[in-house]
PDB file of N, CA and C in Angstrom:
ATOM      1  N   UNK A   1      57.948  42.201 123.525  1.00  0.00           N
ATOM      2  CA  UNK A   1      59.057  41.532 124.174  1.00  0.00           C
ATOM      3  C   UNK A   1      60.338  42.359 124.034  1.00  0.00           C
ATOM      4  N   UNK A   2      60.584  42.893 122.856  1.00  0.00           N
ATOM      5  CA  UNK A   2      61.787  43.706 122.655  1.00  0.00           C
ATOM      6  C   UNK A   2      61.732  44.943 123.546  1.00  0.00           C
ATOM      7  N   UNK A   3      60.550  45.534 123.646  1.00  0.00           N
ATOM      8  CA  UNK A   3      60.405  46.720 124.497  1.00  0.00           C
ATOM      9  C   UNK A   3      60.649  46.353 125.955  1.00  0.00           C
ATOM     10  N   UNK A   4      60.147  45.205 126.376  1.00  0.00           N
ATOM     11  CA  UNK A   4      60.341  44.763 127.755  1.00  0.00           C
ATOM     12  C   UNK A   4      61.823  44.517 128.035  1.00  0.00           C
ATOM     13  N   UNK A   5      62.522  43.911 127.060  1.00  0.00           N
ATOM     14  CA  UNK A   5      63.962  43.679 127.237  1.00  0.00           C
ATOM     15  C   UNK A   5      64.718  45.008 127.306  1.00  0.00           C
ATOM     16  N   UNK A   6      64.285  45.940 126.465  1.00  0.00           N
ATOM     17  CA  UNK A   6      64.929  47.257 126.474  1.00  0.00           C
ATOM     18  C   UNK A   6      64.698  47.953 127.827  1.00  0.00           C
ATOM     19  N   UNK A   7      63.473  47.884 128.338  1.00  0.00           N
ATOM     20  CA  UNK A   7      63.171  48.481 129.646  1.00  0.00           C
ATOM     21  C   UNK A   7      63.988  47.785 130.730  1.00  0.00           C
ATOM     22  N   UNK A   8      64.106  46.468 130.659  1.00  0.00           N
ATOM     23  CA  UNK A   8      64.885  45.728 131.655  1.00  0.00           C
ATOM     24  C   UNK A   8      66.356  46.122 131.588  1.00  0.00           C
ATOM     25  N   UNK A   9      66.873  46.294 130.374  1.00  0.00           N
ATOM     26  CA  UNK A   9      68.270  46.706 130.218  1.00  0.00           C
ATOM     27  C   UNK A   9      68.472  48.122 130.752  1.00  0.00           C
ATOM     28  N   UNK A  10      67.519  49.013 130.471  1.00  0.00           N
ATOM     29  CA  UNK A  10      67.628  50.380 130.990  1.00  0.00           C
ATOM     30  C   UNK A  10      67.539  50.389 132.513  1.00  0.00           C
ATOM     31  N   UNK A  11      66.678  49.538 133.030  1.00  0.00           N
ATOM     32  CA  UNK A  11      66.546  49.425 134.483  1.00  0.00           C
ATOM     33  C   UNK A  11      67.852  48.941 135.093  1.00  0.00           C
ATOM     34  N   UNK A  12      68.438  47.911 134.498  1.00  0.00           N
ATOM     35  CA  UNK A  12      69.706  47.379 135.000  1.00  0.00           C
ATOM     36  C   UNK A  12      70.807  48.435 134.919  1.00  0.00           C
ATOM     37  N   UNK A  13      70.831  49.171 133.812  1.00  0.00           N
ATOM     38  CA  UNK A  13      71.834  50.234 133.669  1.00  0.00           C
ATOM     39  C   UNK A  13      71.631  51.311 134.731  1.00  0.00           C
ATOM     40  N   UNK A  14      70.387  51.679 134.979  1.00  0.00           N
ATOM     41  CA  UNK A  14      70.095  52.691 135.999  1.00  0.00           C
ATOM     42  C   UNK A  14      70.500  52.197 137.380  1.00  0.00           C
ATOM     43  N   UNK A  15      70.248  50.925 137.670  1.00  0.00           N
ATOM     44  CA  UNK A  15      70.661  50.365 138.961  1.00  0.00           C
ATOM     45  C   UNK A  15      72.183  50.362 139.087  1.00  0.00           C
ATOM     46  N   UNK A  16      72.876  50.049 137.983  1.00  0.00           N
ATOM     47  CA  UNK A  16      74.346  50.055 137.991  1.00  0.00           C
ATOM     48  C   UNK A  16      74.871  51.465 138.277  1.00  0.00           C
ATOM     49  N   UNK A  17      74.297  52.460 137.595  1.00  0.00           N
ATOM     50  CA  UNK A  17      74.714  53.852 137.816  1.00  0.00           C
ATOM     51  C   UNK A  17      74.444  54.239 139.266  1.00  0.00           C
ATOM     52  N   UNK A  18      73.294  53.868 139.779  1.00  0.00           N
ATOM     53  CA  UNK A  18      72.946  54.196 141.166  1.00  0.00           C
ATOM     54  C   UNK A  18      73.918  53.533 142.129  1.00  0.00           C
ATOM     55  N   UNK A  19      74.263  52.272 141.872  1.00  0.00           N
ATOM     56  CA  UNK A  19      75.186  51.581 142.771  1.00  0.00           C
ATOM     57  C   UNK A  19      76.581  52.199 142.703  1.00  0.00           C
ATOM     58  N   UNK A  20      76.998  52.621 141.496  1.00  0.00           N
ATOM     59  CA  UNK A  20      78.292  53.304 141.357  1.00  0.00           C
ATOM     60  C   UNK A  20      78.270  54.627 142.110  1.00  0.00           C
ATOM     61  N   UNK A  21      77.180  55.350 142.014  1.00  0.00           N
ATOM     62  CA  UNK A  21      77.053  56.633 142.717  1.00  0.00           C
ATOM     63  C   UNK A  21      77.084  56.415 144.226  1.00  0.00           C
ATOM     64  N   UNK A  22      76.375  55.402 144.698  1.00  0.00           N
ATOM     65  CA  UNK A  22      76.380  55.103 146.134  1.00  0.00           C
ATOM     66  C   UNK A  22      77.784  54.722 146.581  1.00  0.00           C
ATOM     67  N   UNK A  23      78.469  53.908 145.787  1.00  0.00           N
ATOM     68  CA  UNK A  23      79.835  53.524 146.147  1.00  0.00           C
ATOM     69  C   UNK A  23      80.755  54.746 146.197  1.00  0.00           C
ATOM     70  N   UNK A  24      80.606  55.656 145.251  1.00  0.00           N
ATOM     71  CA  UNK A  24      81.428  56.874 145.240  1.00  0.00           C
ATOM     72  C   UNK A  24      81.108  57.746 146.449  1.00  0.00           C
ATOM     73  N   UNK A  25      79.818  57.876 146.781  1.00  0.00           N
ATOM     74  CA  UNK A  25      79.439  58.677 147.945  1.00  0.00           C
ATOM     75  C   UNK A  25      79.933  58.031 149.234  1.00  0.00           C
ATOM     76  N   UNK A  26      79.892  56.712 149.309  1.00  0.00           N
ATOM     77  CA  UNK A  26      80.384  55.987 150.480  1.00  0.00           C
ATOM     78  C   UNK A  26      81.888  56.214 150.629  1.00  0.00           C
ATOM     79  N   UNK A  27      82.620  56.125 149.519  1.00  0.00           N
ATOM     80  CA  UNK A  27      84.068  56.361 149.559  1.00  0.00           C
ATOM     81  C   UNK A  27      84.365  57.789 149.995  1.00  0.00           C
ATOM     82  N   UNK A  28      83.596  58.742 149.490  1.00  0.00           N
ATOM     83  CA  UNK A  28      83.791  60.138 149.885  1.00  0.00           C
ATOM     84  C   UNK A  28      83.496  60.316 151.374  1.00  0.00           C
ATOM     85  N   UNK A  29      82.452  59.681 151.858  1.00  0.00           N
ATOM     86  CA  UNK A  29      82.111  59.774 153.279  1.00  0.00           C
ATOM     87  C   UNK A  29      83.212  59.163 154.141  1.00  0.00           C
ATOM     88  N   UNK A  30      83.768  58.039 153.697  1.00  0.00           N
ATOM     89  CA  UNK A  30      84.867  57.417 154.440  1.00  0.00           C
ATOM     90  C   UNK A  30      86.089  58.321 154.443  1.00  0.00           C
ATOM     91  N   UNK A  31      86.358  58.967 153.320  1.00  0.00           N
ATOM     92  CA  UNK A  31      87.498  59.882 153.226  1.00  0.00           C
ATOM     93  C   UNK A  31      87.303  61.074 154.167  1.00  0.00           C
ATOM     94  N   UNK A  32      86.090  61.632 154.174  1.00  0.00           N
ATOM     95  CA  UNK A  32      85.797  62.755 155.068  1.00  0.00           C
ATOM     96  C   UNK A  32      85.942  62.311 156.523  1.00  0.00           C
ATOM     97  N   UNK A  33      85.438  61.125 156.839  1.00  0.00           N
ATOM     98  CA  UNK A  33      85.550  60.629 158.212  1.00  0.00           C
ATOM     99  C   UNK A  33      87.007  60.438 158.607  1.00  0.00           C
ATOM    100  N   UNK A  34      87.823  59.931 157.692  1.00  0.00           N
ATOM    101  CA  UNK A  34      89.250  59.749 157.983  1.00  0.00           C
ATOM    102  C   UNK A  34      89.942  61.090 158.177  1.00  0.00           C
ATOM    103  N   UNK A  35      89.608  62.066 157.337  1.00  0.00           N
ATOM    104  CA  UNK A  35      90.190  63.404 157.478  1.00  0.00           C
ATOM    105  C   UNK A  35      89.760  64.041 158.797  1.00  0.00           C
ATOM    106  N   UNK A  36      88.503  63.854 159.182  1.00  0.00           N
ATOM    107  CA  UNK A  36      88.019  64.402 160.443  1.00  0.00           C
ATOM    108  C   UNK A  36      88.744  63.750 161.607  1.00  0.00           C
ATOM    109  N   UNK A  37      88.902  62.421 161.544  1.00  0.00           N
ATOM    110  CA  UNK A  37      89.611  61.719 162.615  1.00  0.00           C
ATOM    111  C   UNK A  37      91.059  62.191 162.704  1.00  0.00           C
ATOM    112  N   UNK A  38      91.699  62.401 161.555  1.00  0.00           N
ATOM    113  CA  UNK A  38      93.078  62.896 161.555  1.00  0.00           C
ATOM    114  C   UNK A  38      93.144  64.298 162.162  1.00  0.00           C
ATOM    115  N   UNK A  39      92.164  65.137 161.846  1.00  0.00           N
ATOM    116  CA  UNK A  39      92.134  66.487 162.412  1.00  0.00           C
ATOM    117  C   UNK A  39      91.917  66.431 163.921  1.00  0.00           C
ATOM    118  N   UNK A  40      91.053  65.538 164.361  1.00  0.00           N
ATOM    119  CA  UNK A  40      90.825  65.384 165.800  1.00  0.00           C
ATOM    120  C   UNK A  40      92.108  64.928 166.493  1.00  0.00           C
ATOM    121  N   UNK A  41      92.800  63.961 165.885  1.00  0.00           N
ATOM    122  CA  UNK A  41      94.050  63.460 166.461  1.00  0.00           C
ATOM    123  C   UNK A  41      95.080  64.582 166.524  1.00  0.00           C
ATOM    124  N   UNK A  42      95.172  65.376 165.466  1.00  0.00           N
ATOM    125  CA  UNK A  42      96.113  66.504 165.457  1.00  0.00           C
ATOM    126  C   UNK A  42      95.763  67.496 166.556  1.00  0.00           C
ATOM    127  N   UNK A  43      94.474  67.727 166.767  1.00  0.00           N
ATOM    128  CA  UNK A  43      94.060  68.642 167.831  1.00  0.00           C
ATOM    129  C   UNK A  43      94.443  68.087 169.197  1.00  0.00           C
ATOM    130  N   UNK A  44      94.256  66.793 169.398  1.00  0.00           N
ATOM    131  CA  UNK A  44      94.644  66.168 170.665  1.00  0.00           C
ATOM    132  C   UNK A  44      96.154  66.292 170.876  1.00  0.00           C
ATOM    133  N   UNK A  45      96.918  66.045 169.804  1.00  0.00           N
ATOM    134  CA  UNK A  45      98.373  66.175 169.897  1.00  0.00           C
ATOM    135  C   UNK A  45      98.764  67.617 170.230  1.00  0.00           C
ATOM    136  N   UNK A  46      98.095  68.578 169.609  1.00  0.00           N
ATOM    137  CA  UNK A  46      98.388  69.990 169.861  1.00  0.00           C
ATOM    138  C   UNK A  46      98.085  70.343 171.312  1.00  0.00           C
ATOM    139  N   UNK A  47      96.936  69.900 171.808  1.00  0.00           N
ATOM    140  CA  UNK A  47      96.570  70.179 173.197  1.00  0.00           C
ATOM    141  C   UNK A  47      97.593  69.548 174.136  1.00  0.00           C
ATOM    142  N   UNK A  48      98.014  68.322 173.843  1.00  0.00           N
ATOM    143  CA  UNK A  48      99.009  67.658 174.699  1.00  0.00           C
ATOM    144  C   UNK A  48     100.328  68.428 174.685  1.00  0.00           C
ATOM    145  N   UNK A  49     100.737  68.896 173.511  1.00  0.00           N
ATOM    146  CA  UNK A  49     101.983  69.661 173.420  1.00  0.00           C
ATOM    147  C   UNK A  49     101.859  70.973 174.183  1.00  0.00           C
ATOM    148  N   UNK A  50     100.726  71.651 174.028  1.00  0.00           N
ATOM    149  CA  UNK A  50     100.521  72.911 174.751  1.00  0.00           C
ATOM    150  C   UNK A  50     100.496  72.681 176.257  1.00  0.00           C
ATOM    151  N   UNK A  51      99.902  71.582 176.678  1.00  0.00           N
ATOM    152  CA  UNK A  51      99.864  71.267 178.110  1.00  0.00           C
ATOM    153  C   UNK A  51     101.269  70.984 178.628  1.00  0.00           C
ATOM    154  N   UNK A  52     102.064  70.261 177.847  1.00  0.00           N
ATOM    155  CA  UNK A  52     103.436  69.976 178.258  1.00  0.00           C
ATOM    156  C   UNK A  52     104.231  71.277 178.404  1.00  0.00           C
ATOM    157  N   UNK A  53     104.041  72.186 177.464  1.00  0.00           N
ATOM    158  CA  UNK A  53     104.731  73.485 177.544  1.00  0.00           C
ATOM    159  C   UNK A  53     104.267  74.236 178.784  1.00  0.00           C
ATOM    160  N   UNK A  54     102.964  74.257 179.017  1.00  0.00           N
ATOM    161  CA  UNK A  54     102.438  74.966 180.187  1.00  0.00           C
ATOM    162  C   UNK A  54     102.973  74.355 181.481  1.00  0.00           C
ATOM    163  N   UNK A  55     103.047  73.026 181.538  1.00  0.00           N
ATOM    164  CA  UNK A  55     103.578  72.368 182.735  1.00  0.00           C
ATOM    165  C   UNK A  55     105.057  72.702 182.926  1.00  0.00           C
ATOM    166  N   UNK A  56     105.810  72.745 181.827  1.00  0.00           N
ATOM    167  CA  UNK A  56     107.231  73.080 181.920  1.00  0.00           C
ATOM    168  C   UNK A  56     107.414  74.519 182.398  1.00  0.00           C
ATOM    169  N   UNK A  57     106.613  75.445 181.854  1.00  0.00           N
ATOM    170  CA  UNK A  57     106.685  76.849 182.280  1.00  0.00           C
ATOM    171  C   UNK A  57     106.316  76.964 183.756  1.00  0.00           C
ATOM    172  N   UNK A  58     105.278  76.263 184.172  1.00  0.00           N
ATOM    173  CA  UNK A  58     104.870  76.308 185.577  1.00  0.00           C
ATOM    174  C   UNK A  58     105.970  75.764 186.477  1.00  0.00           C
ATOM    175  N   UNK A  59     106.620  74.690 186.064  1.00  0.00           N
ATOM    176  CA  UNK A  59     107.709  74.119 186.860  1.00  0.00           C
ATOM    177  C   UNK A  59     108.882  75.085 186.944  1.00  0.00           C
ATOM    178  N   UNK A  60     109.201  75.729 185.820  1.00  0.00           N
ATOM    179  CA  UNK A  60     110.295  76.708 185.826  1.00  0.00           C
ATOM    180  C   UNK A  60     109.941  77.898 186.715  1.00  0.00           C
ATOM    181  N   UNK A  61     108.690  78.342 186.663  1.00  0.00           N
ATOM    182  CA  UNK A  61     108.257  79.456 187.502  1.00  0.00           C
ATOM    183  C   UNK A  61     108.354  79.066 188.975  1.00  0.00           C
ATOM    184  N   UNK A  62     107.890  77.846 189.297  1.00  0.00           N
ATOM    185  CA  UNK A  62     107.953  77.384 190.695  1.00  0.00           C
ATOM    186  C   UNK A  62     109.405  77.289 191.161  1.00  0.00           C
ATOM    187  N   UNK A  63     110.296  76.817 190.300  1.00  0.00           N
ATOM    188  CA  UNK A  63     111.711  76.727 190.668  1.00  0.00           C
ATOM    189  C   UNK A  63     112.289  78.121 190.902  1.00  0.00           C
ATOM    190  N   UNK A  64     111.903  79.075 190.062  1.00  0.00           N
ATOM    191  CA  UNK A  64     112.384  80.448 190.241  1.00  0.00           C
ATOM    192  C   UNK A  64     111.843  81.038 191.538  1.00  0.00           C
ATOM    193  N   UNK A  65     110.587  80.766 191.852  1.00  0.00           N
ATOM    194  CA  UNK A  65     110.009  81.256 193.096  1.00  0.00           C
ATOM    195  C   UNK A  65     110.738  80.654 194.302  1.00  0.00           C
ATOM    196  N   UNK A  66     111.037  79.358 194.186  1.00  0.00           N
ATOM    197  CA  UNK A  66     111.741  78.664 195.267  1.00  0.00           C
ATOM    198  C   UNK A  66     113.131  79.252 195.455  1.00  0.00           C
ATOM    199  N   UNK A  67     113.828  79.486 194.347  1.00  0.00           N
ATOM    200  CA  UNK A  67     115.164  80.073 194.419  1.00  0.00           C
ATOM    201  C   UNK A  67     115.106  81.469 195.028  1.00  0.00           C
ATOM    202  N   UNK A  68     114.101  82.237 194.664  1.00  0.00           N
ATOM    203  CA  UNK A  68     113.954  83.584 195.235  1.00  0.00           C
ATOM    204  C   UNK A  68     113.683  83.502 196.729  1.00  0.00           C
ATOM    205  N   UNK A  69     112.838  82.562 197.125  1.00  0.00           N
ATOM    206  CA  UNK A  69     112.532  82.400 198.556  1.00  0.00           C
ATOM    207  C   UNK A  69     113.784  81.991 199.321  1.00  0.00           C
ATOM    208  N   UNK A  70     114.602  81.125 198.743  1.00  0.00           N
ATOM    209  CA  UNK A  70     115.846  80.713 199.409  1.00  0.00           C
ATOM    210  C   UNK A  70     116.814  81.892 199.530  1.00  0.00           C
ATOM    211  N   UNK A  71     116.870  82.742 198.497  1.00  0.00           N
ATOM    212  CA  UNK A  71     117.746  83.916 198.565  1.00  0.00           C
ATOM    213  C   UNK A  71     117.286  84.872 199.664  1.00  0.00           C
ATOM    214  N   UNK A  72     115.965  85.042 199.761  1.00  0.00           N
ATOM    215  CA  UNK A  72     115.427  85.929 200.795  1.00  0.00           C
ATOM    216  C   UNK A  72     115.723  85.352 202.178  1.00  0.00           C
ATOM    217  N   UNK A  73     115.609  84.038 202.312  1.00  0.00           N
ATOM    218  CA  UNK A  73     115.836  83.396 203.610  1.00  0.00           C
ATOM    219  C   UNK A  73     117.315  83.401 204.003  1.00  0.00           C
ATOM    220  N   UNK A  74     118.205  83.433 203.007  1.00  0.00           N
ATOM    221  CA  UNK A  74     119.649  83.350 203.302  1.00  0.00           C
ATOM    222  C   UNK A  74     120.233  84.619 203.839  1.00  0.00           C
TER     223      UNK A  74
END
């Protein structure tokens, strides 16, 4: 009986350690997922900023072309 209780206690302790390990791995996975999502969001923001710059440059180029065409026509 004492041996059985000892085995049961060791089993319970092993299950506790396993559950703690699973909880730690789950927390780490959630942290990695959050970091990945933040990196994805930053990439989207960067692409949007680069697109805005490209659109502004294109608009400035078109305005310069238009001004040049008006000078040639005048």
